[in-house]
Amino acid sequence: AWALAADARGVALVGAYSNVQSARTVSDRVVQAGLRPYQETVKTAQGDWIRVRVGPFTSRQDAERAQQDLKRAGVTAAIIAL
């Protein structure tokens, strides 16, 4: 089931990483897929985690297209609504 309605805004969540190098490595793979990643640091009880995301997208179709581009580059991403 999709978490993103056809006309909703969303992002592709590529992953969350506890170290900068892992986040940088996956961000580089996203760039190689032709997309522009961004990072968001989240503070947790276990320390800082770095989320790597792509978007936002203004339609589910755009999000799905990006998800397929990422998949071809070997990167798994989940589409989430904003």
N, C-alpha and C. Protein backbone atom coordinates (compact mmCIF):
# COMPACT_ATOMS: atom_id res chain seq x y z
N ALA A 1 0.85 -1.18 0.00
CA ALA A 1 0.00 0.00 0.00
C ALA A 1 0.89 1.24 0.00
N TRP A 2 0.51 2.18 -0.82
CA TRP A 2 1.29 3.41 -0.89
C TRP A 2 0.94 4.34 0.25
N ALA A 3 1.96 4.98 0.80
CA ALA A 3 1.77 5.97 1.85
C ALA A 3 1.54 7.34 1.25
N LEU A 4 1.55 7.43 -0.07
CA LEU A 4 1.47 8.73 -0.73
C LEU A 4 0.30 8.74 -1.70
N ALA A 5 -0.67 9.61 -1.44
CA ALA A 5 -1.81 9.76 -2.35
C ALA A 5 -1.31 10.34 -3.67
N ALA A 6 -2.09 10.17 -4.70
CA ALA A 6 -1.68 10.59 -6.05
C ALA A 6 -1.32 12.08 -6.11
N ASP A 7 -1.99 12.92 -5.33
CA ASP A 7 -1.75 14.36 -5.40
C ASP A 7 -1.01 14.90 -4.18
N ALA A 8 -0.44 14.03 -3.37
CA ALA A 8 0.25 14.47 -2.16
C ALA A 8 1.73 14.74 -2.44
N ARG A 9 2.33 15.51 -1.55
CA ARG A 9 3.77 15.73 -1.61
C ARG A 9 4.47 14.65 -0.80
N GLY A 10 5.64 14.24 -1.25
CA GLY A 10 6.37 13.21 -0.53
C GLY A 10 7.85 13.26 -0.81
N VAL A 11 8.58 12.42 -0.10
CA VAL A 11 10.01 12.30 -0.28
C VAL A 11 10.37 10.82 -0.34
N ALA A 12 11.54 10.56 -0.88
CA ALA A 12 12.09 9.21 -0.85
C ALA A 12 13.09 9.15 0.28
N LEU A 13 12.83 8.30 1.25
CA LEU A 13 13.76 8.09 2.36
C LEU A 13 14.71 6.98 1.96
N VAL A 14 15.97 7.33 1.78
CA VAL A 14 16.97 6.37 1.36
C VAL A 14 17.50 5.59 2.56
N GLY A 15 17.66 6.26 3.69
CA GLY A 15 18.13 5.57 4.88
C GLY A 15 18.47 6.52 6.00
N ALA A 16 18.80 5.94 7.16
CA ALA A 16 19.25 6.70 8.32
C ALA A 16 20.54 6.05 8.81
N TYR A 17 21.54 6.86 9.06
CA TYR A 17 22.88 6.35 9.35
C TYR A 17 23.44 7.02 10.60
N SER A 18 24.18 6.24 11.38
CA SER A 18 24.74 6.76 12.62
C SER A 18 26.11 7.39 12.42
N ASN A 19 26.68 7.23 11.23
CA ASN A 19 27.97 7.89 10.99
C ASN A 19 27.96 8.63 9.67
N VAL A 20 28.76 9.67 9.63
CA VAL A 20 28.79 10.59 8.50
C VAL A 20 29.26 9.89 7.23
N GLN A 21 30.25 9.01 7.34
CA GLN A 21 30.79 8.35 6.15
C GLN A 21 29.74 7.49 5.45
N SER A 22 28.94 6.76 6.20
CA SER A 22 27.89 5.93 5.59
C SER A 22 26.87 6.81 4.88
N ALA A 23 26.48 7.91 5.51
CA ALA A 23 25.53 8.83 4.89
C ALA A 23 26.12 9.43 3.62
N ARG A 24 27.40 9.76 3.66
CA ARG A 24 28.06 10.34 2.48
C ARG A 24 28.13 9.32 1.35
N THR A 25 28.45 8.08 1.68
CA THR A 25 28.56 7.03 0.67
C THR A 25 27.23 6.83 -0.06
N VAL A 26 26.14 6.72 0.68
CA VAL A 26 24.83 6.52 0.04
C VAL A 26 24.41 7.78 -0.71
N SER A 27 24.74 8.95 -0.19
CA SER A 27 24.42 10.20 -0.90
C SER A 27 25.13 10.24 -2.25
N ASP A 28 26.37 9.77 -2.29
CA ASP A 28 27.12 9.73 -3.55
C ASP A 28 26.43 8.79 -4.55
N ARG A 29 25.90 7.67 -4.07
CA ARG A 29 25.18 6.73 -4.95
C ARG A 29 23.90 7.36 -5.49
N VAL A 30 23.24 8.17 -4.66
CA VAL A 30 22.03 8.87 -5.11
C VAL A 30 22.38 9.86 -6.22
N VAL A 31 23.48 10.58 -6.05
CA VAL A 31 23.93 11.52 -7.08
C VAL A 31 24.24 10.77 -8.37
N GLN A 32 24.88 9.60 -8.27
CA GLN A 32 25.19 8.80 -9.45
C GLN A 32 23.91 8.34 -10.16
N ALA A 33 22.81 8.25 -9.42
CA ALA A 33 21.52 7.88 -10.01
C ALA A 33 20.86 9.09 -10.69
N GLY A 34 21.50 10.26 -10.60
CA GLY A 34 20.98 11.45 -11.25
C GLY A 34 20.01 12.25 -10.40
N LEU A 35 20.01 12.00 -9.09
CA LEU A 35 19.10 12.70 -8.19
C LEU A 35 19.88 13.52 -7.17
N ARG A 36 19.18 14.44 -6.52
CA ARG A 36 19.84 15.32 -5.56
C ARG A 36 19.40 14.95 -4.15
N PRO A 37 20.30 14.35 -3.37
CA PRO A 37 19.95 13.99 -1.99
C PRO A 37 20.08 15.19 -1.06
N TYR A 38 19.43 15.09 0.07
CA TYR A 38 19.70 16.03 1.15
C TYR A 38 19.73 15.24 2.44
N GLN A 39 20.42 15.82 3.42
CA GLN A 39 20.59 15.13 4.69
C GLN A 39 19.93 15.93 5.80
N GLU A 40 19.42 15.20 6.78
CA GLU A 40 18.76 15.80 7.93
C GLU A 40 19.26 15.05 9.16
N THR A 41 19.82 15.76 10.13
CA THR A 41 20.31 15.13 11.35
C THR A 41 19.20 15.11 12.40
N VAL A 42 19.00 13.94 12.99
CA VAL A 42 17.96 13.75 14.00
C VAL A 42 18.64 13.28 15.28
N LYS A 43 18.34 13.95 16.38
CA LYS A 43 18.91 13.57 17.67
C LYS A 43 18.03 12.50 18.31
N THR A 44 18.66 11.41 18.74
CA THR A 44 17.95 10.32 19.41
C THR A 44 18.68 9.98 20.71
N ALA A 45 18.08 9.13 21.52
CA ALA A 45 18.73 8.69 22.75
C ALA A 45 20.02 7.92 22.46
N GLN A 46 20.11 7.34 21.25
CA GLN A 46 21.30 6.60 20.85
C GLN A 46 22.32 7.48 20.14
N GLY A 47 22.09 8.77 20.09
CA GLY A 47 23.00 9.69 19.41
C GLY A 47 22.37 10.25 18.15
N ASP A 48 23.15 11.00 17.41
CA ASP A 48 22.66 11.62 16.17
C ASP A 48 22.59 10.58 15.05
N TRP A 49 21.52 10.66 14.27
CA TRP A 49 21.35 9.84 13.07
C TRP A 49 21.16 10.79 11.90
N ILE A 50 21.71 10.43 10.77
CA ILE A 50 21.63 11.26 9.57
C ILE A 50 20.69 10.59 8.59
N ARG A 51 19.57 11.26 8.30
CA ARG A 51 18.63 10.76 7.29
C ARG A 51 19.06 11.26 5.92
N VAL A 52 19.06 10.37 4.96
CA VAL A 52 19.34 10.75 3.57
C VAL A 52 18.03 10.62 2.81
N ARG A 53 17.63 11.72 2.21
CA ARG A 53 16.35 11.77 1.50
C ARG A 53 16.52 12.39 0.12
N VAL A 54 15.52 12.17 -0.72
CA VAL A 54 15.45 12.78 -2.05
C VAL A 54 14.06 13.37 -2.18
N GLY A 55 13.95 14.54 -2.76
CA GLY A 55 12.65 15.17 -2.95
C GLY A 55 12.70 16.60 -2.46
N PRO A 56 11.57 17.19 -2.19
CA PRO A 56 10.22 16.61 -2.23
C PRO A 56 9.69 16.49 -3.65
N PHE A 57 8.72 15.62 -3.77
CA PHE A 57 8.03 15.40 -5.04
C PHE A 57 6.59 15.89 -4.91
N THR A 58 6.08 16.43 -6.00
CA THR A 58 4.73 16.98 -5.97
C THR A 58 3.67 16.00 -6.42
N SER A 59 4.10 14.80 -6.85
CA SER A 59 3.13 13.78 -7.24
C SER A 59 3.69 12.39 -6.95
N ARG A 60 2.81 11.44 -6.78
CA ARG A 60 3.23 10.06 -6.56
C ARG A 60 4.00 9.55 -7.76
N GLN A 61 3.59 9.95 -8.96
CA GLN A 61 4.27 9.51 -10.18
C GLN A 61 5.75 9.95 -10.17
N ASP A 62 6.01 11.19 -9.77
CA ASP A 62 7.40 11.67 -9.71
C ASP A 62 8.20 10.90 -8.66
N ALA A 63 7.56 10.63 -7.53
CA ALA A 63 8.22 9.88 -6.46
C ALA A 63 8.55 8.46 -6.92
N GLU A 64 7.59 7.82 -7.60
CA GLU A 64 7.82 6.46 -8.09
C GLU A 64 8.94 6.43 -9.13
N ARG A 65 8.99 7.44 -9.97
CA ARG A 65 10.05 7.51 -10.99
C ARG A 65 11.42 7.61 -10.31
N ALA A 66 11.52 8.44 -9.29
CA ALA A 66 12.78 8.58 -8.56
C ALA A 66 13.14 7.28 -7.85
N GLN A 67 12.13 6.62 -7.28
CA GLN A 67 12.36 5.36 -6.60
C GLN A 67 12.93 4.31 -7.58
N GLN A 68 12.42 4.27 -8.80
CA GLN A 68 12.92 3.34 -9.81
C GLN A 68 14.34 3.70 -10.25
N ASP A 69 14.63 5.00 -10.38
CA ASP A 69 15.99 5.43 -10.72
C ASP A 69 16.96 4.99 -9.63
N LEU A 70 16.55 5.14 -8.38
CA LEU A 70 17.39 4.72 -7.27
C LEU A 70 17.59 3.20 -7.28
N LYS A 71 16.52 2.48 -7.54
CA LYS A 71 16.60 1.01 -7.56
C LYS A 71 17.59 0.54 -8.61
N ARG A 72 17.56 1.16 -9.79
CA ARG A 72 18.50 0.80 -10.85
C ARG A 72 19.95 1.05 -10.42
N ALA A 73 20.13 2.03 -9.53
CA ALA A 73 21.48 2.34 -9.03
C ALA A 73 21.83 1.50 -7.79
N GLY A 74 20.94 0.58 -7.42
CA GLY A 74 21.21 -0.29 -6.29
C GLY A 74 20.87 0.32 -4.94
N VAL A 75 20.04 1.35 -4.95
CA VAL A 75 19.67 2.04 -3.72
C VAL A 75 18.19 1.81 -3.45
N THR A 76 17.87 1.28 -2.28
CA THR A 76 16.48 1.06 -1.89
C THR A 76 15.97 2.31 -1.19
N ALA A 77 14.75 2.73 -1.54
CA ALA A 77 14.17 3.91 -0.92
C ALA A 77 12.69 3.68 -0.66
N ALA A 78 12.21 4.23 0.43
CA ALA A 78 10.78 4.18 0.76
C ALA A 78 10.17 5.56 0.51
N ILE A 79 9.00 5.58 -0.08
CA ILE A 79 8.31 6.84 -0.33
C ILE A 79 7.43 7.15 0.88
N ILE A 80 7.60 8.37 1.42
CA ILE A 80 6.79 8.78 2.57
C ILE A 80 6.14 10.12 2.29
N ALA A 81 4.96 10.31 2.85
CA ALA A 81 4.23 11.57 2.67
C ALA A 81 4.80 12.64 3.57
N LEU A 82 4.69 13.87 3.11
CA LEU A 82 5.09 15.01 3.94
C LEU A 82 3.90 15.57 4.68
